[in-house]
């Protein structure tokens, strides 16, 4: 019954912006890290960004300076603000929450194209 649900994906032109959101359907305890991953067709899933329970953030080099992650651990929500999007950002984006267990969303498609 517990699910992570992503929203906010879509089609955007290069240089544009999108904001992804993720929320847990049921409260999750002892989550240490909330993160975003992405997977392009024919490629392995890659880590994009994380935010710790103390608010520390880190980003993959490919998105650093363009993406911003934010989260609310009390509400089990995490967002990804994506600016200056490039065609190579095209992928399915997955929400992830890590603690004693690992939880994944169903994915939301982001397509960057002219």
PDB file of N, CA and C in Angstrom:
ATOM      1  N   UNK A   1       0.811  -1.191   0.000  1.00  0.00           N
ATOM      2  CA  UNK A   1       0.000   0.000   0.000  1.00  0.00           C
ATOM      3  C   UNK A   1       0.863   1.268   0.000  1.00  0.00           C
ATOM      4  N   UNK A   2       2.035   1.185   0.608  1.00  0.00           N
ATOM      5  CA  UNK A   2       2.931   2.339   0.625  1.00  0.00           C
ATOM      6  C   UNK A   2       3.536   2.549  -0.766  1.00  0.00           C
ATOM      7  N   UNK A   3       3.440   3.770  -1.262  1.00  0.00           N
ATOM      8  CA  UNK A   3       3.962   4.116  -2.575  1.00  0.00           C
ATOM      9  C   UNK A   3       4.661   5.466  -2.535  1.00  0.00           C
ATOM     10  N   UNK A   4       5.683   5.624  -3.374  1.00  0.00           N
ATOM     11  CA  UNK A   4       6.247   6.923  -3.678  1.00  0.00           C
ATOM     12  C   UNK A   4       5.688   7.332  -5.029  1.00  0.00           C
ATOM     13  N   UNK A   5       5.086   8.508  -5.097  1.00  0.00           N
ATOM     14  CA  UNK A   5       4.416   8.960  -6.301  1.00  0.00           C
ATOM     15  C   UNK A   5       5.080  10.230  -6.806  1.00  0.00           C
ATOM     16  N   UNK A   6       5.624  10.166  -8.027  1.00  0.00           N
ATOM     17  CA  UNK A   6       6.251  11.326  -8.652  1.00  0.00           C
ATOM     18  C   UNK A   6       5.260  12.059  -9.543  1.00  0.00           C
ATOM     19  N   UNK A   7       5.506  13.352  -9.717  1.00  0.00           N
ATOM     20  CA  UNK A   7       4.714  14.158 -10.637  1.00  0.00           C
ATOM     21  C   UNK A   7       5.577  15.299 -11.157  1.00  0.00           C
ATOM     22  N   UNK A   8       5.133  15.936 -12.228  1.00  0.00           N
ATOM     23  CA  UNK A   8       5.808  17.112 -12.749  1.00  0.00           C
ATOM     24  C   UNK A   8       6.601  16.902 -14.019  1.00  0.00           C
ATOM     25  N   UNK A   9       6.707  15.669 -14.486  1.00  0.00           N
ATOM     26  CA  UNK A   9       7.427  15.420 -15.718  1.00  0.00           C
ATOM     27  C   UNK A   9       6.668  15.936 -16.928  1.00  0.00           C
ATOM     28  N   UNK A  10       7.356  15.965 -18.066  1.00  0.00           N
ATOM     29  CA  UNK A  10       6.728  16.425 -19.286  1.00  0.00           C
ATOM     30  C   UNK A  10       7.741  16.767 -20.347  1.00  0.00           C
ATOM     31  N   UNK A  11       7.270  17.458 -21.371  1.00  0.00           N
ATOM     32  CA  UNK A  11       8.094  17.885 -22.493  1.00  0.00           C
ATOM     33  C   UNK A  11       8.465  19.348 -22.318  1.00  0.00           C
ATOM     34  N   UNK A  12       9.747  19.650 -22.463  1.00  0.00           N
ATOM     35  CA  UNK A  12      10.229  21.014 -22.306  1.00  0.00           C
ATOM     36  C   UNK A  12      11.332  21.282 -23.327  1.00  0.00           C
ATOM     37  N   UNK A  13      11.447  22.525 -23.765  1.00  0.00           N
ATOM     38  CA  UNK A  13      12.499  22.904 -24.706  1.00  0.00           C
ATOM     39  C   UNK A  13      13.842  23.037 -24.004  1.00  0.00           C
ATOM     40  N   UNK A  14      14.939  22.851 -24.732  1.00  0.00           N
ATOM     41  CA  UNK A  14      16.255  23.091 -24.135  1.00  0.00           C
ATOM     42  C   UNK A  14      16.331  24.480 -23.520  1.00  0.00           C
ATOM     43  N   UNK A  15      16.927  24.548 -22.341  1.00  0.00           N
ATOM     44  CA  UNK A  15      17.004  25.801 -21.612  1.00  0.00           C
ATOM     45  C   UNK A  15      15.835  26.052 -20.689  1.00  0.00           C
ATOM     46  N   UNK A  16      14.803  25.235 -20.792  1.00  0.00           N
ATOM     47  CA  UNK A  16      13.625  25.394 -19.971  1.00  0.00           C
ATOM     48  C   UNK A  16      13.774  24.771 -18.599  1.00  0.00           C
ATOM     49  N   UNK A  17      12.686  24.807 -17.848  1.00  0.00           N
ATOM     50  CA  UNK A  17      12.690  24.325 -16.471  1.00  0.00           C
ATOM     51  C   UNK A  17      11.507  23.408 -16.202  1.00  0.00           C
ATOM     52  N   UNK A  18      11.706  22.489 -15.277  1.00  0.00           N
ATOM     53  CA  UNK A  18      10.654  21.640 -14.753  1.00  0.00           C
ATOM     54  C   UNK A  18      10.890  21.436 -13.271  1.00  0.00           C
ATOM     55  N   UNK A  19       9.817  21.207 -12.541  1.00  0.00           N
ATOM     56  CA  UNK A  19       9.907  20.894 -11.124  1.00  0.00           C
ATOM     57  C   UNK A  19       9.229  19.554 -10.879  1.00  0.00           C
ATOM     58  N   UNK A  20       9.998  18.592 -10.394  1.00  0.00           N
ATOM     59  CA  UNK A  20       9.476  17.284 -10.061  1.00  0.00           C
ATOM     60  C   UNK A  20       9.157  17.214  -8.577  1.00  0.00           C
ATOM     61  N   UNK A  21       8.100  16.496  -8.245  1.00  0.00           N
ATOM     62  CA  UNK A  21       7.709  16.317  -6.855  1.00  0.00           C
ATOM     63  C   UNK A  21       7.473  14.847  -6.580  1.00  0.00           C
ATOM     64  N   UNK A  22       7.694  14.450  -5.335  1.00  0.00           N
ATOM     65  CA  UNK A  22       7.494  13.073  -4.914  1.00  0.00           C
ATOM     66  C   UNK A  22       6.960  13.071  -3.496  1.00  0.00           C
ATOM     67  N   UNK A  23       5.980  12.213  -3.248  1.00  0.00           N
ATOM     68  CA  UNK A  23       5.402  12.106  -1.920  1.00  0.00           C
ATOM     69  C   UNK A  23       5.116  10.649  -1.587  1.00  0.00           C
ATOM     70  N   UNK A  24       5.356  10.281  -0.338  1.00  0.00           N
ATOM     71  CA  UNK A  24       5.042   8.946   0.136  1.00  0.00           C
ATOM     72  C   UNK A  24       3.572   8.876   0.535  1.00  0.00           C
ATOM     73  N   UNK A  25       2.916   7.805   0.130  1.00  0.00           N
ATOM     74  CA  UNK A  25       1.496   7.665   0.437  1.00  0.00           C
ATOM     75  C   UNK A  25       1.247   7.328   1.901  1.00  0.00           C
ATOM     76  N   UNK A  26       2.246   6.755   2.555  1.00  0.00           N
ATOM     77  CA  UNK A  26       2.175   6.406   3.968  1.00  0.00           C
ATOM     78  C   UNK A  26       3.450   6.910   4.641  1.00  0.00           C
ATOM     79  N   UNK A  27       3.318   7.393   5.863  1.00  0.00           N
ATOM     80  CA  UNK A  27       4.473   7.912   6.585  1.00  0.00           C
ATOM     81  C   UNK A  27       5.552   6.850   6.745  1.00  0.00           C
ATOM     82  N   UNK A  28       6.790   7.234   6.465  1.00  0.00           N
ATOM     83  CA  UNK A  28       7.928   6.338   6.568  1.00  0.00           C
ATOM     84  C   UNK A  28       8.835   6.827   7.693  1.00  0.00           C
ATOM     85  N   UNK A  29       9.239   5.926   8.575  1.00  0.00           N
ATOM     86  CA  UNK A  29      10.112   6.272   9.689  1.00  0.00           C
ATOM     87  C   UNK A  29      11.555   5.909   9.377  1.00  0.00           C
ATOM     88  N   UNK A  30      12.467   6.643  10.002  1.00  0.00           N
ATOM     89  CA  UNK A  30      13.908   6.374   9.951  1.00  0.00           C
ATOM     90  C   UNK A  30      14.493   6.488   8.550  1.00  0.00           C
ATOM     91  N   UNK A  31      13.962   7.401   7.758  1.00  0.00           N
ATOM     92  CA  UNK A  31      14.546   7.686   6.457  1.00  0.00           C
ATOM     93  C   UNK A  31      15.766   8.594   6.657  1.00  0.00           C
ATOM     94  N   UNK A  32      16.889   8.212   6.076  1.00  0.00           N
ATOM     95  CA  UNK A  32      18.131   8.970   6.209  1.00  0.00           C
ATOM     96  C   UNK A  32      18.436   9.850   5.004  1.00  0.00           C
ATOM     97  N   UNK A  33      18.015   9.397   3.835  1.00  0.00           N
ATOM     98  CA  UNK A  33      18.340  10.095   2.602  1.00  0.00           C
ATOM     99  C   UNK A  33      17.148  10.052   1.667  1.00  0.00           C
ATOM    100  N   UNK A  34      16.859  11.179   1.039  1.00  0.00           N
ATOM    101  CA  UNK A  34      15.908  11.232  -0.054  1.00  0.00           C
ATOM    102  C   UNK A  34      16.661  11.684  -1.291  1.00  0.00           C
ATOM    103  N   UNK A  35      16.373  11.048  -2.408  1.00  0.00           N
ATOM    104  CA  UNK A  35      17.192  11.257  -3.590  1.00  0.00           C
ATOM    105  C   UNK A  35      16.373  11.145  -4.866  1.00  0.00           C
ATOM    106  N   UNK A  36      16.982  11.580  -5.951  1.00  0.00           N
ATOM    107  CA  UNK A  36      16.456  11.394  -7.289  1.00  0.00           C
ATOM    108  C   UNK A  36      17.471  10.648  -8.138  1.00  0.00           C
ATOM    109  N   UNK A  37      16.968   9.713  -8.923  1.00  0.00           N
ATOM    110  CA  UNK A  37      17.740   8.993  -9.920  1.00  0.00           C
ATOM    111  C   UNK A  37      17.079   9.188 -11.275  1.00  0.00           C
ATOM    112  N   UNK A  38      17.799   8.843 -12.335  1.00  0.00           N
ATOM    113  CA  UNK A  38      17.201   8.882 -13.657  1.00  0.00           C
ATOM    114  C   UNK A  38      17.769   7.765 -14.519  1.00  0.00           C
ATOM    115  N   UNK A  39      17.001   7.385 -15.535  1.00  0.00           N
ATOM    116  CA  UNK A  39      17.429   6.340 -16.450  1.00  0.00           C
ATOM    117  C   UNK A  39      16.988   6.685 -17.863  1.00  0.00           C
ATOM    118  N   UNK A  40      17.952   6.818 -18.746  1.00  0.00           N
ATOM    119  CA  UNK A  40      17.683   7.048 -20.157  1.00  0.00           C
ATOM    120  C   UNK A  40      17.592   5.705 -20.875  1.00  0.00           C
ATOM    121  N   UNK A  41      16.879   5.640 -22.011  1.00  0.00           N
ATOM    122  CA  UNK A  41      16.777   4.382 -22.746  1.00  0.00           C
ATOM    123  C   UNK A  41      18.145   3.801 -23.087  1.00  0.00           C
ATOM    124  N   UNK A  42      18.328   2.517 -22.807  1.00  0.00           N
ATOM    125  CA  UNK A  42      19.576   1.850 -23.117  1.00  0.00           C
ATOM    126  C   UNK A  42      20.711   2.132 -22.157  1.00  0.00           C
ATOM    127  N   UNK A  43      20.464   2.887 -21.110  1.00  0.00           N
ATOM    128  CA  UNK A  43      21.497   3.222 -20.140  1.00  0.00           C
ATOM    129  C   UNK A  43      21.098   2.743 -18.750  1.00  0.00           C
ATOM    130  N   UNK A  44      22.095   2.611 -17.886  1.00  0.00           N
ATOM    131  CA  UNK A  44      21.836   2.220 -16.512  1.00  0.00           C
ATOM    132  C   UNK A  44      21.260   3.394 -15.724  1.00  0.00           C
ATOM    133  N   UNK A  45      20.523   3.062 -14.692  1.00  0.00           N
ATOM    134  CA  UNK A  45      20.004   4.096 -13.813  1.00  0.00           C
ATOM    135  C   UNK A  45      21.159   4.797 -13.107  1.00  0.00           C
ATOM    136  N   UNK A  46      21.114   6.121 -13.068  1.00  0.00           N
ATOM    137  CA  UNK A  46      22.179   6.886 -12.441  1.00  0.00           C
ATOM    138  C   UNK A  46      21.628   7.804 -11.354  1.00  0.00           C
ATOM    139  N   UNK A  47      22.435   8.025 -10.347  1.00  0.00           N
ATOM    140  CA  UNK A  47      22.084   8.930  -9.275  1.00  0.00           C
ATOM    141  C   UNK A  47      22.194  10.370  -9.757  1.00  0.00           C
ATOM    142  N   UNK A  48      21.251  11.197  -9.334  1.00  0.00           N
ATOM    143  CA  UNK A  48      21.211  12.598  -9.743  1.00  0.00           C
ATOM    144  C   UNK A  48      21.502  13.530  -8.575  1.00  0.00           C
ATOM    145  N   UNK A  49      20.799  13.353  -7.453  1.00  0.00           N
ATOM    146  CA  UNK A  49      20.940  14.265  -6.322  1.00  0.00           C
ATOM    147  C   UNK A  49      20.379  13.622  -5.065  1.00  0.00           C
ATOM    148  N   UNK A  50      20.851  14.077  -3.902  1.00  0.00           N
ATOM    149  CA  UNK A  50      20.259  13.650  -2.641  1.00  0.00           C
ATOM    150  C   UNK A  50      20.210  14.801  -1.655  1.00  0.00           C
ATOM    151  N   UNK A  51      19.330  14.682  -0.678  1.00  0.00           N
ATOM    152  CA  UNK A  51      19.274  15.580   0.457  1.00  0.00           C
ATOM    153  C   UNK A  51      19.161  14.715   1.712  1.00  0.00           C
ATOM    154  N   UNK A  52      20.035  14.949   2.691  1.00  0.00           N
ATOM    155  CA  UNK A  52      20.030  14.174   3.919  1.00  0.00           C
ATOM    156  C   UNK A  52      18.994  14.714   4.894  1.00  0.00           C
ATOM    157  N   UNK A  53      18.795  13.980   5.987  1.00  0.00           N
ATOM    158  CA  UNK A  53      17.838  14.396   7.009  1.00  0.00           C
ATOM    159  C   UNK A  53      18.259  15.679   7.706  1.00  0.00           C
ATOM    160  N   UNK A  54      19.530  16.030   7.613  1.00  0.00           N
ATOM    161  CA  UNK A  54      20.029  17.280   8.173  1.00  0.00           C
ATOM    162  C   UNK A  54      20.066  18.413   7.156  1.00  0.00           C
ATOM    163  N   UNK A  55      19.657  18.134   5.949  1.00  0.00           N
ATOM    164  CA  UNK A  55      19.599  19.163   4.930  1.00  0.00           C
ATOM    165  C   UNK A  55      20.799  19.249   4.016  1.00  0.00           C
ATOM    166  N   UNK A  56      21.800  18.410   4.226  1.00  0.00           N
ATOM    167  CA  UNK A  56      22.953  18.407   3.341  1.00  0.00           C
ATOM    168  C   UNK A  56      22.554  17.888   1.970  1.00  0.00           C
ATOM    169  N   UNK A  57      23.092  18.493   0.933  1.00  0.00           N
ATOM    170  CA  UNK A  57      22.769  18.096  -0.431  1.00  0.00           C
ATOM    171  C   UNK A  57      24.022  17.782  -1.218  1.00  0.00           C
ATOM    172  N   UNK A  58      23.844  16.981  -2.256  1.00  0.00           N
ATOM    173  CA  UNK A  58      24.926  16.684  -3.170  1.00  0.00           C
ATOM    174  C   UNK A  58      24.324  16.367  -4.529  1.00  0.00           C
ATOM    175  N   UNK A  59      25.114  16.587  -5.577  1.00  0.00           N
ATOM    176  CA  UNK A  59      24.628  16.453  -6.936  1.00  0.00           C
ATOM    177  C   UNK A  59      25.645  15.751  -7.815  1.00  0.00           C
ATOM    178  N   UNK A  60      25.132  15.052  -8.802  1.00  0.00           N
ATOM    179  CA  UNK A  60      26.000  14.519  -9.840  1.00  0.00           C
ATOM    180  C   UNK A  60      26.615  15.675 -10.617  1.00  0.00           C
ATOM    181  N   UNK A  61      27.844  15.488 -11.085  1.00  0.00           N
ATOM    182  CA  UNK A  61      28.526  16.549 -11.815  1.00  0.00           C
ATOM    183  C   UNK A  61      27.726  17.026 -13.025  1.00  0.00           C
ATOM    184  N   UNK A  62      26.998  16.127 -13.647  1.00  0.00           N
ATOM    185  CA  UNK A  62      26.262  16.458 -14.855  1.00  0.00           C
ATOM    186  C   UNK A  62      25.120  17.446 -14.622  1.00  0.00           C
ATOM    187  N   UNK A  63      24.651  17.565 -13.379  1.00  0.00           N
ATOM    188  CA  UNK A  63      23.525  18.454 -13.082  1.00  0.00           C
ATOM    189  C   UNK A  63      23.879  19.564 -12.107  1.00  0.00           C
ATOM    190  N   UNK A  64      25.072  19.535 -11.559  1.00  0.00           N
ATOM    191  CA  UNK A  64      25.482  20.523 -10.558  1.00  0.00           C
ATOM    192  C   UNK A  64      25.382  21.934 -11.131  1.00  0.00           C
ATOM    193  N   UNK A  65      24.776  22.819 -10.361  1.00  0.00           N
ATOM    194  CA  UNK A  65      24.589  24.191 -10.790  1.00  0.00           C
ATOM    195  C   UNK A  65      23.312  24.431 -11.556  1.00  0.00           C
ATOM    196  N   UNK A  66      22.634  23.357 -11.965  1.00  0.00           N
ATOM    197  CA  UNK A  66      21.401  23.496 -12.739  1.00  0.00           C
ATOM    198  C   UNK A  66      20.188  22.949 -11.982  1.00  0.00           C
ATOM    199  N   UNK A  67      20.396  21.910 -11.184  1.00  0.00           N
ATOM    200  CA  UNK A  67      19.309  21.267 -10.447  1.00  0.00           C
ATOM    201  C   UNK A  67      19.421  21.595  -8.964  1.00  0.00           C
ATOM    202  N   UNK A  68      18.274  21.663  -8.296  1.00  0.00           N
ATOM    203  CA  UNK A  68      18.230  21.881  -6.857  1.00  0.00           C
ATOM    204  C   UNK A  68      17.254  20.900  -6.226  1.00  0.00           C
ATOM    205  N   UNK A  69      17.731  20.151  -5.238  1.00  0.00           N
ATOM    206  CA  UNK A  69      16.883  19.204  -4.528  1.00  0.00           C
ATOM    207  C   UNK A  69      16.473  19.798  -3.186  1.00  0.00           C
ATOM    208  N   UNK A  70      15.251  19.540  -2.777  1.00  0.00           N
ATOM    209  CA  UNK A  70      14.769  19.960  -1.475  1.00  0.00           C
ATOM    210  C   UNK A  70      13.823  18.894  -0.944  1.00  0.00           C
ATOM    211  N   UNK A  71      13.759  18.767   0.374  1.00  0.00           N
ATOM    212  CA  UNK A  71      12.915  17.743   0.961  1.00  0.00           C
ATOM    213  C   UNK A  71      12.377  18.133   2.313  1.00  0.00           C
ATOM    214  N   UNK A  72      11.317  17.473   2.693  1.00  0.00           N
ATOM    215  CA  UNK A  72      10.704  17.640   4.004  1.00  0.00           C
ATOM    216  C   UNK A  72      10.580  16.248   4.598  1.00  0.00           C
ATOM    217  N   UNK A  73      11.452  15.922   5.549  1.00  0.00           N
ATOM    218  CA  UNK A  73      11.461  14.582   6.121  1.00  0.00           C
ATOM    219  C   UNK A  73      10.226  14.293   6.960  1.00  0.00           C
ATOM    220  N   UNK A  74       9.663  15.317   7.587  1.00  0.00           N
ATOM    221  CA  UNK A  74       8.460  15.117   8.382  1.00  0.00           C
ATOM    222  C   UNK A  74       7.279  14.726   7.501  1.00  0.00           C
ATOM    223  N   UNK A  75       7.239  15.261   6.294  1.00  0.00           N
ATOM    224  CA  UNK A  75       6.144  14.988   5.369  1.00  0.00           C
ATOM    225  C   UNK A  75       6.477  13.900   4.351  1.00  0.00           C
ATOM    226  N   UNK A  76       7.729  13.434   4.350  1.00  0.00           N
ATOM    227  CA  UNK A  76       8.173  12.441   3.359  1.00  0.00           C
ATOM    228  C   UNK A  76       7.914  12.927   1.935  1.00  0.00           C
ATOM    229  N   UNK A  77       8.372  14.152   1.669  1.00  0.00           N
ATOM    230  CA  UNK A  77       8.271  14.697   0.331  1.00  0.00           C
ATOM    231  C   UNK A  77       9.644  15.178  -0.128  1.00  0.00           C
ATOM    232  N   UNK A  78       9.887  15.102  -1.421  1.00  0.00           N
ATOM    233  CA  UNK A  78      11.138  15.568  -1.993  1.00  0.00           C
ATOM    234  C   UNK A  78      10.852  16.150  -3.369  1.00  0.00           C
ATOM    235  N   UNK A  79      11.550  17.238  -3.695  1.00  0.00           N
ATOM    236  CA  UNK A  79      11.366  17.924  -4.962  1.00  0.00           C
ATOM    237  C   UNK A  79      12.691  18.043  -5.697  1.00  0.00           C
ATOM    238  N   UNK A  80      12.604  18.209  -6.996  1.00  0.00           N
ATOM    239  CA  UNK A  80      13.783  18.457  -7.820  1.00  0.00           C
ATOM    240  C   UNK A  80      13.455  19.572  -8.792  1.00  0.00           C
ATOM    241  N   UNK A  81      14.055  20.737  -8.568  1.00  0.00           N
ATOM    242  CA  UNK A  81      13.919  21.854  -9.487  1.00  0.00           C
ATOM    243  C   UNK A  81      15.001  21.737 -10.549  1.00  0.00           C
ATOM    244  N   UNK A  82      14.601  21.639 -11.802  1.00  0.00           N
ATOM    245  CA  UNK A  82      15.525  21.443 -12.902  1.00  0.00           C
ATOM    246  C   UNK A  82      15.486  22.668 -13.808  1.00  0.00           C
ATOM    247  N   UNK A  83      16.610  23.364 -13.897  1.00  0.00           N
ATOM    248  CA  UNK A  83      16.741  24.547 -14.740  1.00  0.00           C
ATOM    249  C   UNK A  83      17.771  24.302 -15.830  1.00  0.00           C
ATOM    250  N   UNK A  84      17.743  25.154 -16.839  1.00  0.00           N
ATOM    251  CA  UNK A  84      18.701  25.061 -17.952  1.00  0.00           C
ATOM    252  C   UNK A  84      18.783  23.651 -18.500  1.00  0.00           C
ATOM    253  N   UNK A  85      17.639  23.061 -18.749  1.00  0.00           N
ATOM    254  CA  UNK A  85      17.587  21.665 -19.174  1.00  0.00           C
ATOM    255  C   UNK A  85      18.227  21.461 -20.537  1.00  0.00           C
ATOM    256  N   UNK A  86      18.874  20.315 -20.682  1.00  0.00           N
ATOM    257  CA  UNK A  86      19.556  19.928 -21.905  1.00  0.00           C
ATOM    258  C   UNK A  86      18.932  18.657 -22.462  1.00  0.00           C
ATOM    259  N   UNK A  87      19.075  18.410 -23.767  1.00  0.00           N
ATOM    260  CA  UNK A  87      18.542  17.158 -24.327  1.00  0.00           C
ATOM    261  C   UNK A  87      19.057  15.916 -23.613  1.00  0.00           C
ATOM    262  N   UNK A  88      20.292  15.938 -23.128  1.00  0.00           N
ATOM    263  CA  UNK A  88      20.847  14.792 -22.436  1.00  0.00           C
ATOM    264  C   UNK A  88      20.235  14.556 -21.058  1.00  0.00           C
ATOM    265  N   UNK A  89      19.395  15.482 -20.601  1.00  0.00           N
ATOM    266  CA  UNK A  89      18.646  15.275 -19.365  1.00  0.00           C
ATOM    267  C   UNK A  89      17.415  14.409 -19.592  1.00  0.00           C
ATOM    268  N   UNK A  90      17.089  14.113 -20.838  1.00  0.00           N
ATOM    269  CA  UNK A  90      15.930  13.285 -21.149  1.00  0.00           C
ATOM    270  C   UNK A  90      16.077  11.907 -20.520  1.00  0.00           C
ATOM    271  N   UNK A  91      15.106  11.520 -19.708  1.00  0.00           N
ATOM    272  CA  UNK A  91      15.161  10.251 -18.987  1.00  0.00           C
ATOM    273  C   UNK A  91      13.867  10.080 -18.204  1.00  0.00           C
ATOM    274  N   UNK A  92      13.708   8.896 -17.651  1.00  0.00           N
ATOM    275  CA  UNK A  92      12.691   8.686 -16.638  1.00  0.00           C
ATOM    276  C   UNK A  92      13.334   8.984 -15.292  1.00  0.00           C
ATOM    277  N   UNK A  93      12.697   9.839 -14.518  1.00  0.00           N
ATOM    278  CA  UNK A  93      13.227  10.246 -13.229  1.00  0.00           C
ATOM    279  C   UNK A  93      12.493   9.522 -12.112  1.00  0.00           C
ATOM    280  N   UNK A  94      13.267   8.977 -11.171  1.00  0.00           N
ATOM    281  CA  UNK A  94      12.727   8.172 -10.085  1.00  0.00           C
ATOM    282  C   UNK A  94      13.040   8.787  -8.734  1.00  0.00           C
ATOM    283  N   UNK A  95      12.043   8.860  -7.900  1.00  0.00           N
ATOM    284  CA  UNK A  95      12.200   9.271  -6.514  1.00  0.00           C
ATOM    285  C   UNK A  95      12.683   8.084  -5.687  1.00  0.00           C
ATOM    286  N   UNK A  96      13.558   8.347  -4.717  1.00  0.00           N
ATOM    287  CA  UNK A  96      14.119   7.297  -3.869  1.00  0.00           C
ATOM    288  C   UNK A  96      14.221   7.781  -2.436  1.00  0.00           C
ATOM    289  N   UNK A  97      13.838   6.916  -1.493  1.00  0.00           N
ATOM    290  CA  UNK A  97      13.998   7.196  -0.082  1.00  0.00           C
ATOM    291  C   UNK A  97      14.676   6.012   0.572  1.00  0.00           C
ATOM    292  N   UNK A  98      15.733   6.279   1.340  1.00  0.00           N
ATOM    293  CA  UNK A  98      16.561   5.229   1.921  1.00  0.00           C
ATOM    294  C   UNK A  98      16.581   5.306   3.436  1.00  0.00           C
ATOM    295  N   UNK A  99      16.442   4.169   4.069  1.00  0.00           N
ATOM    296  CA  UNK A  99      16.529   4.004   5.508  1.00  0.00           C
ATOM    297  C   UNK A  99      16.857   2.558   5.790  1.00  0.00           C
ATOM    298  N   UNK A 100      16.211   1.955   6.786  1.00  0.00           N
ATOM    299  CA  UNK A 100      16.355   0.509   6.935  1.00  0.00           C
ATOM    300  C   UNK A 100      15.948  -0.243   5.669  1.00  0.00           C
ATOM    301  N   UNK A 101      15.018   0.320   4.929  1.00  0.00           N
ATOM    302  CA  UNK A 101      14.632  -0.194   3.626  1.00  0.00           C
ATOM    303  C   UNK A 101      14.831   0.857   2.550  1.00  0.00           C
ATOM    304  N   UNK A 102      14.602   0.465   1.310  1.00  0.00           N
ATOM    305  CA  UNK A 102      14.726   1.368   0.178  1.00  0.00           C
ATOM    306  C   UNK A 102      13.402   1.410  -0.567  1.00  0.00           C
ATOM    307  N   UNK A 103      12.958   2.612  -0.904  1.00  0.00           N
ATOM    308  CA  UNK A 103      11.673   2.795  -1.553  1.00  0.00           C
ATOM    309  C   UNK A 103      11.867   3.566  -2.846  1.00  0.00           C
ATOM    310  N   UNK A 104      11.112   3.172  -3.866  1.00  0.00           N
ATOM    311  CA  UNK A 104      11.205   3.782  -5.188  1.00  0.00           C
ATOM    312  C   UNK A 104       9.841   4.221  -5.685  1.00  0.00           C
ATOM    313  N   UNK A 105       9.834   5.313  -6.438  1.00  0.00           N
ATOM    314  CA  UNK A 105       8.633   5.722  -7.138  1.00  0.00           C
ATOM    315  C   UNK A 105       8.504   4.998  -8.466  1.00  0.00           C
ATOM    316  N   UNK A 106       7.400   5.242  -9.150  1.00  0.00           N
ATOM    317  CA  UNK A 106       7.137   4.569 -10.422  1.00  0.00           C
ATOM    318  C   UNK A 106       7.843   5.226 -11.599  1.00  0.00           C
ATOM    319  N   UNK A 107       8.348   6.427 -11.404  1.00  0.00           N
ATOM    320  CA  UNK A 107       9.049   7.154 -12.442  1.00  0.00           C
ATOM    321  C   UNK A 107       8.166   8.145 -13.169  1.00  0.00           C
ATOM    322  N   UNK A 108       8.765   9.249 -13.594  1.00  0.00           N
ATOM    323  CA  UNK A 108       8.069  10.246 -14.399  1.00  0.00           C
ATOM    324  C   UNK A 108       8.977  10.655 -15.555  1.00  0.00           C
ATOM    325  N   UNK A 109       8.408  10.731 -16.758  1.00  0.00           N
ATOM    326  CA  UNK A 109       9.187  10.993 -17.964  1.00  0.00           C
ATOM    327  C   UNK A 109       9.493  12.476 -18.105  1.00  0.00           C
ATOM    328  N   UNK A 110      10.762  12.784 -18.347  1.00  0.00           N
ATOM    329  CA  UNK A 110      11.202  14.129 -18.691  1.00  0.00           C
ATOM    330  C   UNK A 110      11.821  14.073 -20.079  1.00  0.00           C
ATOM    331  N   UNK A 111      11.288  14.861 -20.996  1.00  0.00           N
ATOM    332  CA  UNK A 111      11.802  14.912 -22.357  1.00  0.00           C
ATOM    333  C   UNK A 111      12.192  16.346 -22.683  1.00  0.00           C
ATOM    334  N   UNK A 112      13.445  16.545 -23.061  1.00  0.00           N
ATOM    335  CA  UNK A 112      13.963  17.865 -23.411  1.00  0.00           C
ATOM    336  C   UNK A 112      14.259  17.856 -24.904  1.00  0.00           C
ATOM    337  N   UNK A 113      13.477  18.597 -25.661  1.00  0.00           N
ATOM    338  CA  UNK A 113      13.586  18.567 -27.118  1.00  0.00           C
ATOM    339  C   UNK A 113      13.040  19.853 -27.711  1.00  0.00           C
ATOM    340  N   UNK A 114      13.608  20.241 -28.874  1.00  0.00           N
ATOM    341  CA  UNK A 114      13.101  21.383 -29.612  1.00  0.00           C
ATOM    342  C   UNK A 114      11.919  20.998 -30.484  1.00  0.00           C
TER     343      UNK A 114
END
